[in-house]
N, C-alpha and C. Protein backbone atom coordinates (compact mmCIF):
# COMPACT_ATOMS: atom_id res chain seq x y z
N MET A 1 85.90 0.48 112.60
CA MET A 1 86.38 -0.46 113.34
C MET A 1 87.34 -1.43 113.28
N GLY A 2 88.57 -1.48 114.12
CA GLY A 2 89.58 -2.32 113.73
C GLY A 2 89.02 -3.64 114.23
N ALA A 3 90.09 -4.64 113.53
CA ALA A 3 89.86 -6.15 113.95
C ALA A 3 89.63 -6.33 115.18
N PHE A 4 90.36 -5.51 116.06
CA PHE A 4 90.45 -6.17 117.52
C PHE A 4 89.90 -5.12 118.42
N GLU A 5 88.97 -4.42 117.87
CA GLU A 5 88.29 -3.46 118.71
C GLU A 5 86.95 -4.33 119.08
N PRO A 6 86.19 -3.91 120.56
CA PRO A 6 85.19 -4.54 121.00
C PRO A 6 84.06 -4.47 120.06
N THR A 7 83.32 -5.42 120.44
CA THR A 7 81.71 -4.97 119.51
C THR A 7 81.06 -4.24 120.47
N ARG A 8 79.88 -3.63 119.73
CA ARG A 8 79.25 -2.55 120.74
C ARG A 8 78.72 -3.10 121.99
N LYS A 9 78.33 -4.45 122.07
CA LYS A 9 77.66 -5.23 122.83
C LYS A 9 78.77 -5.87 124.09
N GLU A 10 79.79 -5.94 123.42
CA GLU A 10 81.11 -6.16 124.43
C GLU A 10 81.50 -4.75 125.08
N ARG A 11 81.53 -3.66 124.08
CA ARG A 11 81.89 -2.43 124.97
C ARG A 11 80.59 -1.87 126.12
N LEU A 12 79.38 -2.31 125.81
CA LEU A 12 78.51 -1.92 126.80
C LEU A 12 78.75 -2.67 127.52
N GLY A 13 79.03 -4.19 127.89
CA GLY A 13 78.88 -4.76 128.91
C GLY A 13 80.33 -4.67 129.71
N ASP A 14 81.63 -4.05 129.28
CA ASP A 14 82.66 -3.58 129.92
C ASP A 14 82.07 -2.41 130.85
N LEU A 15 81.24 -1.46 130.12
CA LEU A 15 80.89 -0.14 130.73
C LEU A 15 79.72 -0.58 132.00
N THR A 16 78.93 -1.60 131.55
CA THR A 16 78.04 -1.79 132.73
C THR A 16 78.84 -2.51 133.76
N MET A 17 79.76 -2.84 133.70
CA MET A 17 80.78 -3.38 134.57
C MET A 17 81.23 -2.60 135.56
N ALA A 18 81.87 -1.58 134.72
CA ALA A 18 82.54 -0.46 135.58
C ALA A 18 81.79 0.30 136.26
N ALA A 19 80.22 0.60 135.72
CA ALA A 19 79.28 1.38 136.64
C ALA A 19 78.86 0.44 138.08
N SER A 20 78.60 -0.70 137.72
CA SER A 20 78.42 -1.93 138.78
C SER A 20 79.42 -1.68 139.78
N CYS A 21 80.74 -1.82 139.62
CA CYS A 21 81.88 -1.27 140.45
C CYS A 21 81.70 -0.56 141.31
N ALA A 22 81.21 0.86 140.31
CA ALA A 22 81.14 2.22 141.12
C ALA A 22 80.08 1.93 142.35
N VAL A 23 79.04 1.45 141.95
CA VAL A 23 77.91 1.44 142.99
C VAL A 23 77.70 0.29 143.84
N GLY A 24 78.81 -0.61 143.56
CA GLY A 24 79.11 -1.95 144.51
C GLY A 24 77.34 -2.59 144.77
N ALA A 25 77.13 -2.98 146.12
CA ALA A 25 76.04 -3.81 146.56
C ALA A 25 74.51 -2.85 147.16
N HIS A 26 75.12 -1.56 146.95
CA HIS A 26 74.13 -0.49 147.50
C HIS A 26 72.85 -0.37 146.48
N PRO A 27 71.61 -0.07 147.08
CA PRO A 27 70.61 -0.26 146.29
C PRO A 27 70.68 1.39 145.79
N GLN A 28 71.47 1.68 144.66
CA GLN A 28 71.55 2.72 144.05
C GLN A 28 71.28 2.62 142.26
N CYS A 29 70.46 2.33 142.08
CA CYS A 29 70.10 2.06 140.68
C CYS A 29 70.19 3.18 139.85
N ILE A 30 69.66 4.17 140.21
CA ILE A 30 69.51 5.62 139.59
C ILE A 30 70.77 6.17 139.44
N THR A 31 71.93 5.88 140.38
CA THR A 31 72.93 6.30 140.10
C THR A 31 74.12 5.44 139.27
N GLY A 32 73.79 4.18 139.67
CA GLY A 32 74.37 3.22 138.44
C GLY A 32 74.08 3.44 136.94
N VAL A 33 72.73 3.83 136.83
CA VAL A 33 72.37 4.08 135.37
C VAL A 33 72.82 5.35 135.05
N ALA A 34 73.12 6.37 135.76
CA ALA A 34 73.35 7.71 135.31
C ALA A 34 74.81 7.51 135.39
N ILE A 35 75.89 7.03 135.82
CA ILE A 35 76.77 6.76 135.65
C ILE A 35 77.46 5.88 134.41
N LEU A 36 76.52 4.99 134.04
CA LEU A 36 76.61 3.91 132.66
C LEU A 36 76.40 5.00 131.57
N VAL A 37 74.92 5.96 131.88
CA VAL A 37 74.77 6.83 130.64
C VAL A 37 75.78 7.64 130.06
N GLU A 38 76.79 8.47 131.30
CA GLU A 38 77.62 8.99 131.26
C GLU A 38 78.68 8.41 130.33
N LEU A 39 79.34 7.29 130.97
CA LEU A 39 80.18 6.55 130.28
C LEU A 39 80.21 6.02 128.65
N ALA A 40 78.87 5.81 128.50
CA ALA A 40 78.48 5.49 127.09
C ALA A 40 78.73 6.80 126.32
N LYS A 41 78.45 7.46 126.74
CA LYS A 41 78.12 9.00 125.85
C LYS A 41 80.18 9.46 125.65
N LEU A 42 81.11 8.64 126.30
CA LEU A 42 82.65 8.70 125.90
C LEU A 42 82.71 8.08 124.75
N TYR A 43 81.74 7.01 124.45
CA TYR A 43 82.06 6.05 123.51
C TYR A 43 81.21 6.41 122.39
N GLY A 44 80.68 7.61 122.25
CA GLY A 44 79.57 8.02 121.39
C GLY A 44 78.26 7.06 121.31
N ILE A 45 77.81 6.33 122.17
CA ILE A 45 76.93 5.43 122.42
C ILE A 45 75.69 6.54 123.32
N GLU A 46 74.61 6.48 123.08
CA GLU A 46 73.25 7.28 123.59
C GLU A 46 72.32 5.91 124.30
N LEU A 47 72.52 5.82 125.52
CA LEU A 47 71.64 5.19 126.08
C LEU A 47 70.44 5.79 126.84
N THR A 48 69.40 5.23 127.07
CA THR A 48 68.15 5.80 127.49
C THR A 48 67.61 5.20 128.98
N PRO A 49 67.67 6.18 130.12
CA PRO A 49 67.07 5.37 131.27
C PRO A 49 65.83 4.79 131.22
N ARG A 50 65.23 3.56 131.97
CA ARG A 50 63.81 3.65 132.00
C ARG A 50 63.86 2.93 133.27
N ALA A 51 62.75 3.31 133.96
CA ALA A 51 62.09 2.93 135.12
C ALA A 51 61.44 1.83 134.92
N VAL A 52 61.71 0.62 135.46
CA VAL A 52 60.80 -0.59 135.28
C VAL A 52 60.68 -1.39 136.41
N SER A 53 59.61 -2.43 136.38
CA SER A 53 59.40 -3.13 137.58
C SER A 53 59.55 -4.65 136.96
N PHE A 54 60.27 -5.29 138.08
CA PHE A 54 60.35 -6.66 137.91
C PHE A 54 60.00 -7.43 138.76
N ALA A 55 59.98 -9.03 138.53
CA ALA A 55 59.63 -9.63 139.44
C ALA A 55 60.43 -11.13 139.25
N GLY A 56 60.93 -11.44 140.62
CA GLY A 56 62.06 -12.64 140.73
C GLY A 56 61.83 -13.53 142.01
N GLN A 57 62.60 -14.63 141.73
CA GLN A 57 62.20 -15.61 142.86
C GLN A 57 63.33 -16.35 142.99
N SER A 58 64.06 -16.40 144.08
CA SER A 58 65.32 -16.98 144.44
C SER A 58 64.99 -17.86 145.21
N SER A 59 66.42 -19.01 145.51
CA SER A 59 65.70 -20.17 146.89
C SER A 59 65.57 -19.31 147.93
N LEU A 60 65.95 -18.20 148.45
CA LEU A 60 65.77 -17.62 149.81
C LEU A 60 64.24 -16.54 149.75
N THR A 61 63.92 -15.95 148.70
CA THR A 61 62.79 -15.07 149.06
C THR A 61 62.22 -14.65 146.95
N SER A 62 61.21 -14.09 147.59
CA SER A 62 60.71 -13.45 146.22
C SER A 62 60.54 -12.28 146.16
N LEU A 63 61.19 -11.34 145.10
CA LEU A 63 61.28 -10.13 145.06
C LEU A 63 60.25 -9.40 144.24
N ALA A 64 59.88 -8.35 144.60
CA ALA A 64 58.95 -7.38 143.92
C ALA A 64 59.46 -6.10 143.48
N SER A 65 59.72 -5.72 142.45
CA SER A 65 60.02 -4.26 142.33
C SER A 65 59.07 -3.52 141.28
N GLY A 66 58.41 -2.78 142.39
CA GLY A 66 57.42 -2.25 141.50
C GLY A 66 55.87 -2.89 141.41
N THR A 67 54.59 -2.26 141.36
CA THR A 67 53.37 -2.46 141.80
C THR A 67 53.09 -3.64 140.41
N PHE A 68 53.38 -3.48 139.61
CA PHE A 68 53.44 -4.20 138.35
C PHE A 68 53.85 -5.79 138.88
N ALA A 69 55.11 -5.87 139.34
CA ALA A 69 55.76 -7.11 139.82
C ALA A 69 54.90 -7.57 140.94
N ARG A 70 54.68 -6.76 141.85
CA ARG A 70 54.16 -7.21 143.07
C ARG A 70 52.85 -7.87 142.71
N GLU A 71 52.01 -7.11 141.82
CA GLU A 71 50.72 -7.91 141.17
C GLU A 71 51.17 -8.97 140.70
N HIS A 72 51.72 -9.25 139.99
CA HIS A 72 52.17 -10.54 138.98
C HIS A 72 52.53 -11.71 140.20
N LEU A 73 53.47 -11.39 141.08
CA LEU A 73 53.66 -12.33 142.25
C LEU A 73 52.74 -12.52 143.02
N ILE A 74 51.59 -11.57 143.80
CA ILE A 74 50.36 -12.19 144.25
C ILE A 74 49.69 -12.94 143.60
N SER A 75 49.47 -12.61 142.42
CA SER A 75 48.39 -13.47 141.32
C SER A 75 48.88 -15.02 141.17
N HIS A 76 50.39 -15.09 141.53
CA HIS A 76 50.90 -16.26 141.32
C HIS A 76 51.38 -16.88 142.76
N GLY A 77 50.64 -16.48 143.82
CA GLY A 77 50.93 -17.25 145.26
C GLY A 77 52.59 -16.95 145.62
N ALA A 78 53.00 -16.44 145.08
CA ALA A 78 54.55 -15.85 145.58
C ALA A 78 54.56 -15.18 146.95
N LEU A 79 53.45 -14.01 146.68
CA LEU A 79 53.82 -13.13 147.65
C LEU A 79 52.13 -12.88 148.37
N PRO A 80 52.50 -12.77 149.71
CA PRO A 80 50.89 -12.40 150.54
C PRO A 80 50.05 -11.06 149.79
N LYS A 81 48.91 -10.98 149.94
CA LYS A 81 48.07 -9.97 149.49
C LYS A 81 48.74 -8.73 149.94
N ASP A 82 49.19 -8.54 151.34
CA ASP A 82 49.50 -7.10 151.52
C ASP A 82 50.77 -6.76 151.81
N TYR A 83 51.58 -7.37 150.86
CA TYR A 83 53.01 -7.22 150.71
C TYR A 83 53.29 -5.58 150.19
N ILE A 84 53.69 -4.81 151.09
CA ILE A 84 54.50 -3.68 150.76
C ILE A 84 55.22 -3.20 150.15
N LEU A 85 55.67 -2.47 149.05
CA LEU A 85 56.80 -2.36 148.55
C LEU A 85 57.37 -1.38 149.06
N TRP A 86 58.97 -1.26 149.38
CA TRP A 86 59.86 0.11 149.59
C TRP A 86 59.50 1.15 148.86
N GLY A 87 59.05 2.17 149.33
CA GLY A 87 58.90 3.51 148.50
C GLY A 87 57.39 3.77 147.76
N GLU A 88 56.57 2.53 148.33
CA GLU A 88 55.07 2.83 147.62
C GLU A 88 54.67 4.01 147.93
N ASP A 89 54.94 4.43 149.15
CA ASP A 89 54.07 5.68 149.38
C ASP A 89 54.68 6.78 148.82
N ALA A 90 55.66 6.93 148.14
CA ALA A 90 56.18 7.90 147.75
C ALA A 90 55.77 9.47 146.79
N GLY A 91 54.43 9.12 146.65
CA GLY A 91 53.61 9.94 146.16
C GLY A 91 53.96 10.53 144.97
N TRP A 92 54.38 9.52 144.01
CA TRP A 92 54.52 9.99 142.56
C TRP A 92 53.29 10.36 141.91
N PRO A 93 53.25 11.57 141.26
CA PRO A 93 51.83 11.95 140.23
C PRO A 93 51.73 11.31 139.31
N GLU A 94 50.30 11.22 139.27
CA GLU A 94 49.63 10.38 138.37
C GLU A 94 50.15 10.44 136.74
N GLY A 95 50.74 9.43 136.20
CA GLY A 95 51.11 9.71 135.10
C GLY A 95 52.56 9.48 135.02
N SER A 96 53.39 9.31 136.45
CA SER A 96 54.45 9.41 136.22
C SER A 96 55.39 8.14 136.10
N PRO A 97 56.62 8.18 135.24
CA PRO A 97 56.70 6.70 134.77
C PRO A 97 57.44 5.68 135.90
N PHE A 98 57.62 6.67 136.94
CA PHE A 98 57.97 5.80 138.11
C PHE A 98 56.77 5.18 139.21
N ILE A 99 55.79 5.54 138.74
CA ILE A 99 54.62 5.14 139.60
C ILE A 99 54.13 3.64 139.73
N HIS A 100 54.48 2.55 139.08
CA HIS A 100 54.73 1.53 139.01
C HIS A 100 56.03 0.36 138.88
N SER A 101 56.97 1.42 138.95
CA SER A 101 58.37 0.90 139.08
C SER A 101 59.07 1.02 139.91
N GLY A 102 60.00 0.29 140.18
CA GLY A 102 60.91 -0.18 141.23
C GLY A 102 62.21 0.05 141.12
N HIS A 103 62.60 0.12 140.10
CA HIS A 103 64.12 -0.19 139.84
C HIS A 103 64.39 0.55 138.39
N MET A 104 65.50 1.03 138.17
CA MET A 104 66.14 1.64 136.94
C MET A 104 67.17 1.04 135.96
N VAL A 105 66.97 1.02 134.90
CA VAL A 105 68.14 0.37 133.82
C VAL A 105 68.20 1.38 132.86
N ALA A 106 68.99 0.72 131.98
CA ALA A 106 69.61 1.59 130.93
C ALA A 106 69.13 1.05 129.55
N ILE A 107 68.65 1.35 128.39
CA ILE A 107 68.30 0.77 127.08
C ILE A 107 69.16 1.36 125.95
N ASP A 108 69.64 0.52 125.09
CA ASP A 108 70.63 0.83 124.18
C ASP A 108 69.36 0.57 122.81
N GLU A 109 68.97 1.50 122.56
CA GLU A 109 67.81 1.45 121.36
C GLU A 109 68.42 0.69 120.15
N GLN A 110 69.46 1.24 120.00
CA GLN A 110 70.42 1.21 118.60
C GLN A 110 70.36 -0.85 118.48
N SER A 111 71.05 -1.23 119.51
CA SER A 111 70.96 -2.57 119.58
C SER A 111 70.09 -3.48 120.18
N SER A 112 69.06 -2.64 120.73
CA SER A 112 68.08 -3.49 121.89
C SER A 112 68.20 -4.18 122.85
N LEU A 113 69.39 -3.75 123.91
CA LEU A 113 70.11 -4.16 124.67
C LEU A 113 69.45 -3.57 126.13
N LEU A 114 69.06 -4.27 126.86
CA LEU A 114 69.10 -3.82 128.37
C LEU A 114 70.08 -4.12 129.17
N LEU A 115 70.50 -2.82 129.91
CA LEU A 115 71.86 -2.88 130.62
C LEU A 115 71.33 -2.56 132.24
N ASP A 116 71.73 -3.44 133.13
CA ASP A 116 71.30 -3.19 134.14
C ASP A 116 72.61 -3.10 135.37
N PRO A 117 73.44 -2.01 135.64
CA PRO A 117 74.52 -2.31 136.17
C PRO A 117 74.18 -2.34 137.83
N SER A 118 73.28 -2.43 138.54
CA SER A 118 73.11 -2.19 140.03
C SER A 118 72.47 -3.61 140.41
N PHE A 119 72.28 -4.67 139.41
CA PHE A 119 71.45 -5.93 139.97
C PHE A 119 71.95 -6.45 141.19
N GLU A 120 73.70 -6.32 141.45
CA GLU A 120 74.29 -6.87 142.52
C GLU A 120 73.48 -6.71 143.86
N GLN A 121 72.76 -5.50 144.05
CA GLN A 121 71.93 -5.10 145.32
C GLN A 121 70.81 -6.09 145.93
N PHE A 122 70.23 -7.09 144.75
CA PHE A 122 69.59 -8.23 145.13
C PHE A 122 70.61 -9.28 145.78
N VAL A 123 71.89 -9.36 145.75
CA VAL A 123 72.44 -10.68 146.00
C VAL A 123 72.35 -11.07 147.61
N ARG A 124 71.74 -10.15 148.43
CA ARG A 124 71.43 -10.72 149.78
C ARG A 124 70.05 -11.18 150.04
N GLY A 125 69.29 -11.37 148.63
CA GLY A 125 68.17 -12.31 148.66
C GLY A 125 68.33 -13.12 147.90
N GLY A 126 69.32 -13.59 147.86
CA GLY A 126 69.77 -14.93 147.11
C GLY A 126 69.84 -14.81 145.69
N PHE A 127 69.90 -13.50 144.88
CA PHE A 127 69.74 -13.39 143.32
C PHE A 127 71.47 -13.62 143.06
N PRO A 128 71.55 -13.69 141.92
CA PRO A 128 73.15 -14.04 141.37
C PRO A 128 73.41 -12.65 141.51
N ASN A 129 75.25 -12.75 141.74
CA ASN A 129 76.02 -11.45 141.56
C ASN A 129 76.28 -11.29 140.23
N ALA A 130 75.38 -10.44 139.63
CA ALA A 130 75.74 -10.12 137.76
C ALA A 130 75.09 -8.58 137.80
N VAL A 131 75.75 -8.58 136.43
CA VAL A 131 75.27 -7.32 135.63
C VAL A 131 74.59 -8.00 134.59
N ILE A 132 73.69 -7.46 133.81
CA ILE A 132 72.88 -7.47 133.09
C ILE A 132 73.09 -6.86 131.99
N VAL A 133 73.33 -7.64 130.65
CA VAL A 133 73.51 -7.05 129.17
C VAL A 133 72.52 -8.08 128.51
N THR A 134 71.29 -7.86 128.16
CA THR A 134 70.62 -8.63 127.36
C THR A 134 69.73 -8.21 126.24
N PRO A 135 69.84 -9.05 125.38
CA PRO A 135 68.75 -8.41 124.12
C PRO A 135 67.42 -8.47 124.50
N ILE A 136 66.50 -7.26 124.24
CA ILE A 136 65.08 -7.08 124.23
C ILE A 136 64.49 -6.94 123.22
N ASP A 137 63.12 -7.14 123.37
CA ASP A 137 62.10 -6.78 122.16
C ASP A 137 61.92 -5.01 122.37
N PRO A 138 62.15 -4.28 121.79
CA PRO A 138 61.93 -2.69 122.06
C PRO A 138 60.52 -2.72 121.85
N THR A 139 59.65 -3.51 121.33
CA THR A 139 58.21 -3.51 121.18
C THR A 139 57.56 -3.72 122.42
N GLU A 140 57.89 -4.47 123.71
CA GLU A 140 57.42 -5.20 124.82
C GLU A 140 57.36 -4.31 125.72
């Protein structure tokens, strides 16, 4: 690697931004991750798509993406007990990695980074207009 070449994290940040621009503010996390995975391959980087559930709260709303996140927010009083998730009745087969998830991200296992090119879809709910490139503990 030359002195002026970007680090792996910088490269992945740039690629995550490019995938984010491709999907914009549309709720297309699967498409965004697919684009990101293919872009990374061009640079010899292998990413793993990962279905996730996450909970968040902005000044406007609480957000539950997946049943695990919903249960977490309900248990903390941030959502009503009858909160229905979009796509909850999708009929995923038992054991499917999607059954408790509601969002898709990419993982770079070599550098333990989580990459989210489609977080912009949550801007209308008061969440920041951002792409996420953050270190994770792969054992969690």
